Amino acid sequence: MNTDRHADMSDQQLLQLYLQEKDNSWLGPLLQRYTLLLFGVCMKYLKDETEAQDAVQQIFLKVIQEVHKYKIDYFKSWLYTVAKNHCLSVLRDKKSKIPVELNENDLKEETEEVAAEKEEVSPELLKEALNALNREQRQSVTLFYLEKKSYQEISQSQGYSLMQVKSFIQNGKRNLKLLIRKMLKESKKTNG
């Protein structure tokens, strides 16, 4: 594809033409402009060349699938945010898969605690604990964990900044855990 003919077109012009015509020949040059930026962002977060290359490809696919859902005033900023959120999601998934070294007693205590919590946390208890959170935390936690929305998607749909969304999710998760533990303790006292 000859990108020289697109060199004098702004990001906004290319994006508008893509959205109007649904023709990838307009989106391709736009993404090509920012391949190095995306790779740099991915390297910054993932610190591995192969993972960064894979991430750039996944981000391209995500953009192709979702660009029409958003009103984008500054494509470069929007793309940077999509890339950052993707990398943070990759890191979060990776972190949840990293085994933690435990000694035998820690493992026994942890297993007993998790087993007890898993047995007793009914959907009704979870719903009750979720409803006890403030509105912002409840919305953010529900959208992030149950509906699998990204920080960006939550920010745009709810009108919060990305920092607010991150804060609501972190605080909501912590408060939810505390509420569930409190409810389980009260339930054990009541039921003997």
Protein backbone atom coordinates (compact mmCIF):
# COMPACT_ATOMS: atom_id res chain seq x y z
CA MET A 1 0.00 0.00 0.00
CA ASN A 2 1.37 3.39 -0.91
CA THR A 3 1.19 5.51 2.23
CA ASP A 4 2.72 8.59 0.55
CA ARG A 5 -0.69 9.56 -0.82
CA HIS A 6 -1.96 9.68 2.78
CA ALA A 7 0.96 11.71 4.14
CA ASP A 8 -0.78 15.06 3.76
CA MET A 9 -4.01 13.82 5.39
CA SER A 10 -4.63 14.42 9.09
CA ASP A 11 -5.46 11.62 11.52
CA GLN A 12 -8.98 13.02 11.77
CA GLN A 13 -9.46 12.97 7.97
CA LEU A 14 -8.31 9.36 7.68
CA LEU A 15 -10.46 8.32 10.63
CA GLN A 16 -13.54 10.05 9.20
CA LEU A 17 -13.04 8.43 5.80
CA TYR A 18 -12.65 5.02 7.45
CA LEU A 19 -15.80 5.50 9.54
CA GLN A 20 -17.81 6.70 6.52
CA GLU A 21 -16.62 4.13 4.00
CA LYS A 22 -15.72 1.19 6.31
CA ASP A 23 -12.65 0.74 4.11
CA ASN A 24 -9.47 -0.49 5.83
CA SER A 25 -7.32 1.30 3.25
CA TRP A 26 -8.00 4.47 5.32
CA LEU A 27 -7.36 2.90 8.73
CA GLY A 28 -4.18 1.04 7.68
CA PRO A 29 -2.06 4.16 7.07
CA LEU A 30 -3.41 5.72 10.25
CA LEU A 31 -2.31 2.73 12.34
CA GLN A 32 0.98 2.56 10.45
CA ARG A 33 1.79 6.12 11.58
CA TYR A 34 1.72 5.00 15.19
CA THR A 35 3.28 1.52 15.02
CA LEU A 36 6.52 2.73 16.62
CA LEU A 37 4.63 4.68 19.29
CA LEU A 38 2.59 1.56 20.13
CA PHE A 39 5.67 -0.62 20.19
CA GLY A 40 7.39 1.88 22.53
CA VAL A 41 4.40 1.96 24.88
CA CYS A 42 4.22 -1.84 24.91
CA MET A 43 7.98 -2.15 25.57
CA LYS A 44 7.69 0.37 28.42
CA TYR A 45 5.07 -1.75 30.18
CA LEU A 46 5.84 -5.32 29.09
CA LYS A 47 9.66 -5.07 28.89
CA ASP A 48 9.85 -7.93 26.38
CA GLU A 49 10.22 -7.45 22.63
CA THR A 50 8.19 -10.48 21.57
CA GLU A 51 5.38 -9.69 23.99
CA ALA A 52 5.41 -6.06 22.83
CA GLN A 53 5.15 -7.11 19.17
CA ASP A 54 2.24 -9.43 20.00
CA ALA A 55 0.57 -6.66 21.97
CA VAL A 56 0.85 -4.22 19.05
CA GLN A 57 -0.92 -6.75 16.81
CA GLN A 58 -3.65 -7.31 19.42
CA ILE A 59 -4.10 -3.55 19.80
CA PHE A 60 -4.44 -3.17 16.01
CA LEU A 61 -7.19 -5.83 16.05
CA LYS A 62 -8.92 -4.16 18.99
CA VAL A 63 -8.84 -0.79 17.20
CA ILE A 64 -10.28 -2.29 14.00
CA GLN A 65 -13.07 -3.96 16.00
CA GLU A 66 -13.90 -1.06 18.32
CA VAL A 67 -12.90 2.28 16.73
CA HIS A 68 -16.44 2.83 15.45
CA LYS A 69 -17.85 2.68 19.02
CA TYR A 70 -16.15 5.87 20.19
CA LYS A 71 -16.19 9.55 19.40
CA ILE A 72 -12.47 10.17 18.97
CA ASP A 73 -11.23 13.76 18.93
CA TYR A 74 -7.50 12.97 19.13
CA PHE A 75 -6.68 9.60 17.60
CA LYS A 76 -3.08 9.53 18.88
CA SER A 77 -4.15 10.09 22.52
CA TRP A 78 -6.99 7.60 22.22
CA LEU A 79 -4.66 5.00 20.69
CA TYR A 80 -2.08 5.58 23.44
CA THR A 81 -4.76 5.02 26.08
CA VAL A 82 -5.97 1.82 24.38
CA ALA A 83 -2.35 0.56 24.25
CA LYS A 84 -1.68 1.44 27.89
CA ASN A 85 -4.90 -0.25 29.05
CA HIS A 86 -4.12 -3.33 26.97
CA CYS A 87 -0.62 -3.61 28.50
CA LEU A 88 -1.96 -3.12 32.03
CA SER A 89 -4.53 -5.83 31.36
CA VAL A 90 -1.77 -8.18 30.12
CA LEU A 91 0.28 -7.44 33.24
CA ARG A 92 -2.74 -7.96 35.50
CA ASP A 93 -3.47 -11.32 33.85
CA LYS A 94 0.19 -12.30 34.09
CA LYS A 95 0.36 -11.27 37.76
CA SER A 96 -2.64 -13.44 38.62
CA LYS A 97 -0.82 -16.44 37.11
CA ILE A 98 2.48 -15.98 38.97
CA PRO A 99 2.83 -18.66 41.65
CA VAL A 100 3.59 -17.34 45.12
CA GLU A 101 6.02 -19.24 47.31
CA LEU A 102 4.35 -20.41 50.50
CA ASN A 103 5.56 -22.62 53.27
CA GLU A 104 3.44 -25.60 54.29
CA ASN A 105 1.63 -23.83 57.17
CA ASP A 106 0.85 -20.78 55.05
CA LEU A 107 -0.51 -23.03 52.34
CA LYS A 108 -2.72 -24.92 54.80
CA GLU A 109 -4.12 -21.70 56.31
CA GLU A 110 -4.65 -20.10 52.92
CA THR A 111 -6.35 -23.21 51.54
CA GLU A 112 -8.68 -23.47 54.55
CA GLU A 113 -9.57 -19.76 54.37
CA VAL A 114 -10.20 -19.87 50.61
CA ALA A 115 -12.22 -23.08 50.91
CA ALA A 116 -14.34 -21.58 53.69
CA GLU A 117 -14.95 -18.39 51.73
CA LYS A 118 -15.69 -20.22 48.49
CA GLU A 119 -18.23 -22.48 50.19
CA GLU A 120 -20.09 -19.69 51.89
CA VAL A 121 -20.07 -16.82 49.38
CA SER A 122 -23.40 -17.30 47.71
CA PRO A 123 -24.54 -15.15 44.80
CA GLU A 124 -27.02 -13.54 47.23
CA LEU A 125 -24.23 -12.65 49.67
CA LEU A 126 -22.10 -11.23 46.87
CA LYS A 127 -25.05 -9.18 45.60
CA GLU A 128 -25.77 -7.89 49.10
CA ALA A 129 -22.12 -6.90 49.57
CA LEU A 130 -22.02 -5.22 46.15
CA ASN A 131 -25.16 -3.26 47.00
CA ALA A 132 -23.49 -2.07 50.23
CA LEU A 133 -20.74 -0.32 48.22
CA ASN A 134 -21.19 3.31 47.23
CA ARG A 135 -22.65 3.89 43.75
CA GLU A 136 -19.36 4.71 41.99
CA GLN A 137 -17.52 1.70 43.42
CA ARG A 138 -20.46 -0.64 42.73
CA GLN A 139 -20.75 0.53 39.09
CA SER A 140 -17.01 0.38 38.45
CA VAL A 141 -16.49 -3.03 40.08
CA THR A 142 -19.51 -4.50 38.28
CA LEU A 143 -18.46 -3.14 34.88
CA PHE A 144 -14.80 -4.17 35.31
CA TYR A 145 -15.09 -7.64 36.86
CA LEU A 146 -18.51 -8.86 35.79
CA GLU A 147 -18.91 -7.18 32.40
CA LYS A 148 -15.15 -7.26 31.57
CA LYS A 149 -15.03 -3.56 30.55
CA SER A 150 -11.67 -1.77 30.36
CA TYR A 151 -10.82 1.33 32.42
CA GLN A 152 -11.23 3.36 29.22
CA GLU A 153 -14.67 1.94 28.47
CA ILE A 154 -15.85 2.56 32.04
CA SER A 155 -14.42 6.08 31.97
CA GLN A 156 -16.22 6.91 28.74
CA SER A 157 -19.56 5.30 29.63
CA GLN A 158 -19.76 6.66 33.19
CA GLY A 159 -18.08 10.04 32.73
CA TYR A 160 -15.29 9.40 35.27
CA SER A 161 -11.60 10.10 34.68
CA LEU A 162 -9.30 7.08 34.29
CA MET A 163 -7.79 7.81 37.72
CA GLN A 164 -11.25 7.86 39.30
CA VAL A 165 -12.13 4.55 37.65
CA LYS A 166 -8.90 2.96 38.90
CA SER A 167 -9.54 4.29 42.41
CA PHE A 168 -13.20 3.16 42.45
CA ILE A 169 -12.19 -0.35 41.34
CA GLN A 170 -9.32 -0.70 43.84
CA ASN A 171 -11.31 0.68 46.76
CA GLY A 172 -14.44 -1.19 45.72
CA LYS A 173 -12.58 -4.51 45.52
CA ARG A 174 -11.00 -3.95 48.95
CA ASN A 175 -14.31 -2.87 50.51
CA LEU A 176 -16.15 -5.79 48.89
CA LYS A 177 -13.67 -8.26 50.41
CA LEU A 178 -14.03 -6.62 53.84
CA LEU A 179 -17.84 -6.61 53.61
CA ILE A 180 -17.95 -10.27 52.58
CA ARG A 181 -15.66 -11.29 55.46
CA LYS A 182 -17.78 -9.27 57.90
CA MET A 183 -21.00 -10.83 56.58
CA LEU A 184 -19.50 -14.33 56.77
CA LYS A 185 -18.43 -13.78 60.40
CA GLU A 186 -21.90 -12.48 61.32
CA SER A 187 -23.48 -15.43 59.54
CA LYS A 188 -21.27 -17.89 61.48
CA LYS A 189 -22.21 -16.23 64.80
CA THR A 190 -25.91 -16.32 63.96
CA ASN A 191 -25.84 -19.92 62.72
CA GLY A 192 -23.62 -21.18 65.49
